[in-house]
Amino acid sequence: MAGTPADIVTRLNADVGKALAEPAVRARFAQSALEPIGGSAEQFSQLVHGDYAKYARLVKELNIRIE
């Protein structure tokens, strides 16, 4: 989230990483065919921005409109 203090982002990232390392959490993700990968806040930001650009391009190329 824009404007969130860096120390809070670091703590949240560490806590999420710990949760993703728990076998029960990993099993729950696997039941939904999801693979938790974790990573840094910067990596997540790059992923989100990349996905946004990819889907924006697809919406434009496929001429998808909301009616």
PDB file of N, CA and C in Angstrom:
ATOM      1  N   MET A   1       0.829  -1.174   0.000  1.00  0.00           N
ATOM      2  CA  MET A   1       0.000   0.000   0.000  1.00  0.00           C
ATOM      3  C   MET A   1       0.879   1.244   0.000  1.00  0.00           C
ATOM      4  N   ALA A   2       0.581   2.120  -0.885  1.00  0.00           N
ATOM      5  CA  ALA A   2       1.357   3.346  -0.983  1.00  0.00           C
ATOM      6  C   ALA A   2       1.283   4.107   0.339  1.00  0.00           C
ATOM      7  N   GLY A   3       2.409   4.603   0.785  1.00  0.00           N
ATOM      8  CA  GLY A   3       2.440   5.398   1.998  1.00  0.00           C
ATOM      9  C   GLY A   3       2.617   4.596   3.281  1.00  0.00           C
ATOM     10  N   THR A   4       2.629   3.277   3.191  1.00  0.00           N
ATOM     11  CA  THR A   4       2.833   2.458   4.384  1.00  0.00           C
ATOM     12  C   THR A   4       4.310   2.549   4.778  1.00  0.00           C
ATOM     13  N   PRO A   5       4.587   2.831   6.044  1.00  0.00           N
ATOM     14  CA  PRO A   5       5.989   2.934   6.475  1.00  0.00           C
ATOM     15  C   PRO A   5       6.771   1.655   6.170  1.00  0.00           C
ATOM     16  N   ALA A   6       8.032   1.832   5.791  1.00  0.00           N
ATOM     17  CA  ALA A   6       8.869   0.702   5.386  1.00  0.00           C
ATOM     18  C   ALA A   6       8.994  -0.353   6.480  1.00  0.00           C
ATOM     19  N   ASP A   7       9.062   0.067   7.748  1.00  0.00           N
ATOM     20  CA  ASP A   7       9.206  -0.912   8.824  1.00  0.00           C
ATOM     21  C   ASP A   7       7.955  -1.779   8.957  1.00  0.00           C
ATOM     22  N   ILE A   8       6.805  -1.211   8.675  1.00  0.00           N
ATOM     23  CA  ILE A   8       5.550  -1.978   8.720  1.00  0.00           C
ATOM     24  C   ILE A   8       5.518  -2.968   7.550  1.00  0.00           C
ATOM     25  N   VAL A   9       5.919  -2.526   6.372  1.00  0.00           N
ATOM     26  CA  VAL A   9       5.967  -3.414   5.198  1.00  0.00           C
ATOM     27  C   VAL A   9       6.918  -4.571   5.471  1.00  0.00           C
ATOM     28  N   THR A  10       8.068  -4.274   6.049  1.00  0.00           N
ATOM     29  CA  THR A  10       9.044  -5.319   6.360  1.00  0.00           C
ATOM     30  C   THR A  10       8.483  -6.320   7.355  1.00  0.00           C
ATOM     31  N   ARG A  11       7.819  -5.827   8.381  1.00  0.00           N
ATOM     32  CA  ARG A  11       7.239  -6.733   9.389  1.00  0.00           C
ATOM     33  C   ARG A  11       6.130  -7.585   8.795  1.00  0.00           C
ATOM     34  N   LEU A  12       5.245  -6.971   8.022  1.00  0.00           N
ATOM     35  CA  LEU A  12       4.166  -7.739   7.386  1.00  0.00           C
ATOM     36  C   LEU A  12       4.736  -8.806   6.458  1.00  0.00           C
ATOM     37  N   ASN A  13       5.751  -8.439   5.681  1.00  0.00           N
ATOM     38  CA  ASN A  13       6.363  -9.388   4.768  1.00  0.00           C
ATOM     39  C   ASN A  13       6.968 -10.570   5.526  1.00  0.00           C
ATOM     40  N   ALA A  14       7.636 -10.281   6.638  1.00  0.00           N
ATOM     41  CA  ALA A  14       8.227 -11.344   7.447  1.00  0.00           C
ATOM     42  C   ALA A  14       7.144 -12.253   8.026  1.00  0.00           C
ATOM     43  N   ASP A  15       6.066 -11.661   8.528  1.00  0.00           N
ATOM     44  CA  ASP A  15       4.973 -12.449   9.109  1.00  0.00           C
ATOM     45  C   ASP A  15       4.278 -13.314   8.051  1.00  0.00           C
ATOM     46  N   VAL A  16       4.077 -12.771   6.869  1.00  0.00           N
ATOM     47  CA  VAL A  16       3.471 -13.553   5.786  1.00  0.00           C
ATOM     48  C   VAL A  16       4.406 -14.690   5.388  1.00  0.00           C
ATOM     49  N   GLY A  17       5.701 -14.398   5.318  1.00  0.00           N
ATOM     50  CA  GLY A  17       6.681 -15.438   5.001  1.00  0.00           C
ATOM     51  C   GLY A  17       6.647 -16.576   6.005  1.00  0.00           C
ATOM     52  N   LYS A  18       6.528 -16.247   7.284  1.00  0.00           N
ATOM     53  CA  LYS A  18       6.430 -17.280   8.329  1.00  0.00           C
ATOM     54  C   LYS A  18       5.164 -18.112   8.140  1.00  0.00           C
ATOM     55  N   ALA A  19       4.063 -17.437   7.863  1.00  0.00           N
ATOM     56  CA  ALA A  19       2.799 -18.155   7.660  1.00  0.00           C
ATOM     57  C   ALA A  19       2.891 -19.086   6.455  1.00  0.00           C
ATOM     58  N   LEU A  20       3.505 -18.614   5.376  1.00  0.00           N
ATOM     59  CA  LEU A  20       3.625 -19.431   4.169  1.00  0.00           C
ATOM     60  C   LEU A  20       4.548 -20.631   4.365  1.00  0.00           C
ATOM     61  N   ALA A  21       5.389 -20.583   5.386  1.00  0.00           N
ATOM     62  CA  ALA A  21       6.275 -21.702   5.678  1.00  0.00           C
ATOM     63  C   ALA A  21       5.588 -22.792   6.499  1.00  0.00           C
ATOM     64  N   GLU A  22       4.435 -22.495   7.057  1.00  0.00           N
ATOM     65  CA  GLU A  22       3.708 -23.464   7.876  1.00  0.00           C
ATOM     66  C   GLU A  22       3.118 -24.571   6.995  1.00  0.00           C
ATOM     67  N   PRO A  23       3.352 -25.825   7.359  1.00  0.00           N
ATOM     68  CA  PRO A  23       2.814 -26.936   6.565  1.00  0.00           C
ATOM     69  C   PRO A  23       1.294 -26.883   6.383  1.00  0.00           C
ATOM     70  N   ALA A  24       0.563 -26.497   7.404  1.00  0.00           N
ATOM     71  CA  ALA A  24      -0.901 -26.438   7.294  1.00  0.00           C
ATOM     72  C   ALA A  24      -1.338 -25.383   6.281  1.00  0.00           C
ATOM     73  N   VAL A  25      -0.644 -24.264   6.274  1.00  0.00           N
ATOM     74  CA  VAL A  25      -0.966 -23.198   5.315  1.00  0.00           C
ATOM     75  C   VAL A  25      -0.638 -23.660   3.902  1.00  0.00           C
ATOM     76  N   ARG A  26       0.520 -24.275   3.735  1.00  0.00           N
ATOM     77  CA  ARG A  26       0.920 -24.767   2.412  1.00  0.00           C
ATOM     78  C   ARG A  26      -0.068 -25.822   1.911  1.00  0.00           C
ATOM     79  N   ALA A  27      -0.515 -26.695   2.813  1.00  0.00           N
ATOM     80  CA  ALA A  27      -1.476 -27.725   2.428  1.00  0.00           C
ATOM     81  C   ALA A  27      -2.794 -27.096   1.985  1.00  0.00           C
ATOM     82  N   ARG A  28      -3.219 -26.077   2.693  1.00  0.00           N
ATOM     83  CA  ARG A  28      -4.475 -25.399   2.347  1.00  0.00           C
ATOM     84  C   ARG A  28      -4.369 -24.745   0.968  1.00  0.00           C
ATOM     85  N   PHE A  29      -3.241 -24.118   0.694  1.00  0.00           N
ATOM     86  CA  PHE A  29      -3.020 -23.543  -0.628  1.00  0.00           C
ATOM     87  C   PHE A  29      -3.044 -24.640  -1.693  1.00  0.00           C
ATOM     88  N   ALA A  30      -2.382 -25.744  -1.417  1.00  0.00           N
ATOM     89  CA  ALA A  30      -2.321 -26.850  -2.378  1.00  0.00           C
ATOM     90  C   ALA A  30      -3.713 -27.391  -2.694  1.00  0.00           C
ATOM     91  N   GLN A  31      -4.595 -27.417  -1.713  1.00  0.00           N
ATOM     92  CA  GLN A  31      -5.971 -27.876  -1.942  1.00  0.00           C
ATOM     93  C   GLN A  31      -6.695 -27.001  -2.954  1.00  0.00           C
ATOM     94  N   SER A  32      -6.259 -25.763  -3.064  1.00  0.00           N
ATOM     95  CA  SER A  32      -6.868 -24.820  -4.016  1.00  0.00           C
ATOM     96  C   SER A  32      -6.027 -24.680  -5.281  1.00  0.00           C
ATOM     97  N   ALA A  33      -5.079 -25.585  -5.464  1.00  0.00           N
ATOM     98  CA  ALA A  33      -4.183 -25.567  -6.624  1.00  0.00           C
ATOM     99  C   ALA A  33      -3.374 -24.273  -6.695  1.00  0.00           C
ATOM    100  N   LEU A  34      -2.985 -23.756  -5.528  1.00  0.00           N
ATOM    101  CA  LEU A  34      -2.169 -22.552  -5.451  1.00  0.00           C
ATOM    102  C   LEU A  34      -0.814 -22.910  -4.869  1.00  0.00           C
ATOM    103  N   GLU A  35       0.215 -22.208  -5.310  1.00  0.00           N
ATOM    104  CA  GLU A  35       1.549 -22.449  -4.803  1.00  0.00           C
ATOM    105  C   GLU A  35       2.071 -21.185  -4.125  1.00  0.00           C
ATOM    106  N   PRO A  36       2.161 -21.198  -2.798  1.00  0.00           N
ATOM    107  CA  PRO A  36       2.694 -20.012  -2.119  1.00  0.00           C
ATOM    108  C   PRO A  36       4.196 -19.909  -2.354  1.00  0.00           C
ATOM    109  N   ILE A  37       4.644 -18.757  -2.824  1.00  0.00           N
ATOM    110  CA  ILE A  37       6.061 -18.618  -3.124  1.00  0.00           C
ATOM    111  C   ILE A  37       6.764 -17.611  -2.231  1.00  0.00           C
ATOM    112  N   GLY A  38       6.029 -16.702  -1.641  1.00  0.00           N
ATOM    113  CA  GLY A  38       6.661 -15.705  -0.789  1.00  0.00           C
ATOM    114  C   GLY A  38       7.575 -14.801  -1.586  1.00  0.00           C
ATOM    115  N   GLY A  39       8.437 -14.080  -0.897  1.00  0.00           N
ATOM    116  CA  GLY A  39       9.369 -13.168  -1.548  1.00  0.00           C
ATOM    117  C   GLY A  39       9.350 -11.818  -0.867  1.00  0.00           C
ATOM    118  N   SER A  40      10.089 -10.903  -1.426  1.00  0.00           N
ATOM    119  CA  SER A  40      10.185  -9.561  -0.844  1.00  0.00           C
ATOM    120  C   SER A  40       9.018  -8.689  -1.291  1.00  0.00           C
ATOM    121  N   ALA A  41       8.866  -7.580  -0.587  1.00  0.00           N
ATOM    122  CA  ALA A  41       7.833  -6.614  -0.958  1.00  0.00           C
ATOM    123  C   ALA A  41       8.103  -6.062  -2.361  1.00  0.00           C
ATOM    124  N   GLU A  42       9.368  -5.897  -2.686  1.00  0.00           N
ATOM    125  CA  GLU A  42       9.730  -5.391  -4.013  1.00  0.00           C
ATOM    126  C   GLU A  42       9.340  -6.391  -5.105  1.00  0.00           C
ATOM    127  N   GLN A  43       9.572  -7.675  -4.845  1.00  0.00           N
ATOM    128  CA  GLN A  43       9.189  -8.704  -5.814  1.00  0.00           C
ATOM    129  C   GLN A  43       7.681  -8.724  -6.016  1.00  0.00           C
ATOM    130  N   PHE A  44       6.936  -8.573  -4.933  1.00  0.00           N
ATOM    131  CA  PHE A  44       5.481  -8.552  -5.036  1.00  0.00           C
ATOM    132  C   PHE A  44       5.026  -7.342  -5.837  1.00  0.00           C
ATOM    133  N   SER A  45       5.636  -6.208  -5.593  1.00  0.00           N
ATOM    134  CA  SER A  45       5.294  -4.999  -6.338  1.00  0.00           C
ATOM    135  C   SER A  45       5.542  -5.186  -7.829  1.00  0.00           C
ATOM    136  N   GLN A  46       6.668  -5.789  -8.171  1.00  0.00           N
ATOM    137  CA  GLN A  46       6.974  -6.052  -9.584  1.00  0.00           C
ATOM    138  C   GLN A  46       5.954  -7.000 -10.194  1.00  0.00           C
ATOM    139  N   LEU A  47       5.553  -8.010  -9.436  1.00  0.00           N
ATOM    140  CA  LEU A  47       4.555  -8.964  -9.919  1.00  0.00           C
ATOM    141  C   LEU A  47       3.226  -8.261 -10.201  1.00  0.00           C
ATOM    142  N   VAL A  48       2.779  -7.446  -9.253  1.00  0.00           N
ATOM    143  CA  VAL A  48       1.504  -6.743  -9.416  1.00  0.00           C
ATOM    144  C   VAL A  48       1.557  -5.795 -10.612  1.00  0.00           C
ATOM    145  N   HIS A  49       2.625  -5.035 -10.727  1.00  0.00           N
ATOM    146  CA  HIS A  49       2.742  -4.098 -11.848  1.00  0.00           C
ATOM    147  C   HIS A  49       2.823  -4.841 -13.186  1.00  0.00           C
ATOM    148  N   GLY A  50       3.531  -5.951 -13.211  1.00  0.00           N
ATOM    149  CA  GLY A  50       3.609  -6.751 -14.433  1.00  0.00           C
ATOM    150  C   GLY A  50       2.262  -7.334 -14.827  1.00  0.00           C
ATOM    151  N   ASP A  51       1.538  -7.856 -13.840  1.00  0.00           N
ATOM    152  CA  ASP A  51       0.203  -8.399 -14.119  1.00  0.00           C
ATOM    153  C   ASP A  51      -0.740  -7.313 -14.611  1.00  0.00           C
ATOM    154  N   TYR A  52      -0.672  -6.137 -13.987  1.00  0.00           N
ATOM    155  CA  TYR A  52      -1.535  -5.035 -14.401  1.00  0.00           C
ATOM    156  C   TYR A  52      -1.275  -4.674 -15.858  1.00  0.00           C
ATOM    157  N   ALA A  53      -0.009  -4.562 -16.212  1.00  0.00           N
ATOM    158  CA  ALA A  53       0.339  -4.212 -17.600  1.00  0.00           C
ATOM    159  C   ALA A  53      -0.123  -5.300 -18.563  1.00  0.00           C
ATOM    160  N   LYS A  54       0.068  -6.560 -18.188  1.00  0.00           N
ATOM    161  CA  LYS A  54      -0.323  -7.672 -19.059  1.00  0.00           C
ATOM    162  C   LYS A  54      -1.833  -7.676 -19.301  1.00  0.00           C
ATOM    163  N   TYR A  55      -2.597  -7.550 -18.226  1.00  0.00           N
ATOM    164  CA  TYR A  55      -4.050  -7.611 -18.388  1.00  0.00           C
ATOM    165  C   TYR A  55      -4.613  -6.350 -19.028  1.00  0.00           C
ATOM    166  N   ALA A  56      -3.980  -5.216 -18.796  1.00  0.00           N
ATOM    167  CA  ALA A  56      -4.407  -3.992 -19.484  1.00  0.00           C
ATOM    168  C   ALA A  56      -4.219  -4.143 -20.990  1.00  0.00           C
ATOM    169  N   ARG A  57      -3.089  -4.737 -21.375  1.00  0.00           N
ATOM    170  CA  ARG A  57      -2.816  -4.974 -22.799  1.00  0.00           C
ATOM    171  C   ARG A  57      -3.851  -5.922 -23.392  1.00  0.00           C
ATOM    172  N   LEU A  58      -4.170  -6.986 -22.671  1.00  0.00           N
ATOM    173  CA  LEU A  58      -5.158  -7.950 -23.165  1.00  0.00           C
ATOM    174  C   LEU A  58      -6.538  -7.323 -23.309  1.00  0.00           C
ATOM    175  N   VAL A  59      -6.937  -6.530 -22.333  1.00  0.00           N
ATOM    176  CA  VAL A  59      -8.240  -5.860 -22.402  1.00  0.00           C
ATOM    177  C   VAL A  59      -8.306  -4.982 -23.644  1.00  0.00           C
ATOM    178  N   LYS A  60      -7.233  -4.271 -23.905  1.00  0.00           N
ATOM    179  CA  LYS A  60      -7.195  -3.394 -25.078  1.00  0.00           C
ATOM    180  C   LYS A  60      -7.196  -4.207 -26.368  1.00  0.00           C
ATOM    181  N   GLU A  61      -6.327  -5.227 -26.460  1.00  0.00           N
ATOM    182  CA  GLU A  61      -6.216  -6.028 -27.682  1.00  0.00           C
ATOM    183  C   GLU A  61      -7.499  -6.795 -27.992  1.00  0.00           C
ATOM    184  N   LEU A  62      -8.156  -7.276 -26.952  1.00  0.00           N
ATOM    185  CA  LEU A  62      -9.373  -8.058 -27.140  1.00  0.00           C
ATOM    186  C   LEU A  62     -10.640  -7.193 -27.156  1.00  0.00           C
ATOM    187  N   ASN A  63     -10.427  -5.896 -27.015  1.00  0.00           N
ATOM    188  CA  ASN A  63     -11.522  -4.936 -27.029  1.00  0.00           C
ATOM    189  C   ASN A  63     -12.604  -5.294 -26.011  1.00  0.00           C
ATOM    190  N   ILE A  64     -12.185  -5.617 -24.801  1.00  0.00           N
ATOM    191  CA  ILE A  64     -13.112  -5.980 -23.735  1.00  0.00           C
ATOM    192  C   ILE A  64     -13.681  -4.717 -23.134  1.00  0.00           C
ATOM    193  N   ARG A  65     -15.000  -4.700 -23.009  1.00  0.00           N
ATOM    194  CA  ARG A  65     -15.697  -3.520 -22.473  1.00  0.00           C
ATOM    195  C   ARG A  65     -16.704  -3.945 -21.411  1.00  0.00           C
ATOM    196  N   ILE A  66     -16.908  -3.063 -20.456  1.00  0.00           N
ATOM    197  CA  ILE A  66     -17.927  -3.283 -19.433  1.00  0.00           C
ATOM    198  C   ILE A  66     -19.197  -2.580 -19.900  1.00  0.00           C
ATOM    199  N   GLU A  67     -20.276  -3.314 -19.887  1.00  0.00           N
ATOM    200  CA  GLU A  67     -21.548  -2.732 -20.340  1.00  0.00           C
ATOM    201  C   GLU A  67     -22.455  -2.445 -19.188  1.00  0.00           C
TER     202      GLU A  67
END
